Amino acid sequence: MTKTRAHPWEVTDEFWKRVEPLIPQPSRDPAR
């Protein structure tokens, strides 16, 4: 995959590295 200008619906890896920790991850129900 060549790195091109990010589309509006795409997020750069650098952006995700900063934002991902801030996003609450849905915890999977262990009872399932």
N, C-alpha and C. Protein backbone atom coordinates (compact mmCIF):
# COMPACT_ATOMS: atom_id res chain seq x y z
N MET A 1 0.85 -1.20 0.00
CA MET A 1 0.00 0.00 0.00
C MET A 1 0.88 1.24 0.00
N THR A 2 0.74 2.05 -1.01
CA THR A 2 1.55 3.27 -1.04
C THR A 2 0.86 4.36 -0.25
N LYS A 3 1.67 5.14 0.45
CA LYS A 3 1.07 6.21 1.28
C LYS A 3 0.73 7.40 0.39
N THR A 4 -0.55 7.66 0.28
CA THR A 4 -0.99 8.83 -0.48
C THR A 4 -1.70 9.79 0.45
N ARG A 5 -2.16 10.87 -0.09
CA ARG A 5 -2.89 11.83 0.75
C ARG A 5 -4.12 11.16 1.35
N ALA A 6 -4.29 11.26 2.64
CA ALA A 6 -5.40 10.57 3.31
C ALA A 6 -6.73 11.13 2.83
N HIS A 7 -7.65 10.22 2.55
CA HIS A 7 -9.00 10.63 2.19
C HIS A 7 -9.72 11.10 3.45
N PRO A 8 -10.80 11.86 3.29
CA PRO A 8 -11.53 12.37 4.46
C PRO A 8 -11.96 11.25 5.41
N TRP A 9 -12.26 10.08 4.86
CA TRP A 9 -12.75 9.00 5.71
C TRP A 9 -11.59 8.15 6.22
N GLU A 10 -10.36 8.50 5.81
CA GLU A 10 -9.21 7.72 6.26
C GLU A 10 -8.45 8.49 7.32
N VAL A 11 -7.83 7.77 8.22
CA VAL A 11 -7.07 8.42 9.29
C VAL A 11 -5.63 7.94 9.22
N THR A 12 -4.72 8.87 9.40
CA THR A 12 -3.31 8.51 9.33
C THR A 12 -2.88 7.74 10.56
N ASP A 13 -1.83 6.94 10.42
CA ASP A 13 -1.34 6.15 11.55
C ASP A 13 -0.94 7.05 12.70
N GLU A 14 -0.31 8.16 12.37
CA GLU A 14 0.15 9.07 13.42
C GLU A 14 -1.03 9.61 14.22
N PHE A 15 -2.12 9.91 13.51
CA PHE A 15 -3.32 10.42 14.18
C PHE A 15 -3.90 9.35 15.11
N TRP A 16 -3.94 8.11 14.61
CA TRP A 16 -4.51 7.02 15.41
C TRP A 16 -3.68 6.77 16.66
N LYS A 17 -2.34 6.90 16.52
CA LYS A 17 -1.48 6.66 17.69
C LYS A 17 -1.83 7.62 18.82
N ARG A 18 -2.27 8.83 18.45
CA ARG A 18 -2.63 9.80 19.48
C ARG A 18 -4.06 9.59 19.97
N VAL A 19 -4.96 9.21 19.08
CA VAL A 19 -6.38 9.15 19.42
C VAL A 19 -6.81 7.81 20.01
N GLU A 20 -6.21 6.73 19.52
CA GLU A 20 -6.64 5.40 19.95
C GLU A 20 -6.72 5.24 21.46
N PRO A 21 -5.71 5.68 22.22
CA PRO A 21 -5.79 5.53 23.68
C PRO A 21 -6.95 6.30 24.30
N LEU A 22 -7.45 7.30 23.59
CA LEU A 22 -8.53 8.12 24.14
C LEU A 22 -9.89 7.51 23.86
N ILE A 23 -9.94 6.58 22.91
CA ILE A 23 -11.22 5.98 22.54
C ILE A 23 -11.53 4.80 23.45
N PRO A 24 -12.66 4.83 24.13
CA PRO A 24 -13.04 3.71 25.00
C PRO A 24 -13.33 2.46 24.17
N GLN A 25 -12.58 1.40 24.42
CA GLN A 25 -12.78 0.16 23.68
C GLN A 25 -13.92 -0.63 24.30
N PRO A 26 -14.86 -1.10 23.50
CA PRO A 26 -15.96 -1.92 24.03
C PRO A 26 -15.42 -3.23 24.56
N SER A 27 -15.55 -3.44 25.85
CA SER A 27 -15.04 -4.68 26.44
C SER A 27 -15.95 -5.84 26.07
N ARG A 28 -15.34 -6.93 25.62
CA ARG A 28 -16.14 -8.09 25.23
C ARG A 28 -16.64 -8.80 26.47
N ASP A 29 -17.89 -9.21 26.41
CA ASP A 29 -18.49 -9.87 27.57
C ASP A 29 -17.89 -11.26 27.75
N PRO A 30 -17.15 -11.49 28.81
CA PRO A 30 -16.51 -12.81 29.03
C PRO A 30 -17.54 -13.90 29.32
N ALA A 31 -18.76 -13.50 29.68
CA ALA A 31 -19.80 -14.48 30.01
C ALA A 31 -20.32 -15.16 28.75
N ARG A 32 -20.05 -14.53 27.58
CA ARG A 32 -20.58 -15.12 26.35
C ARG A 32 -19.80 -16.36 26.02
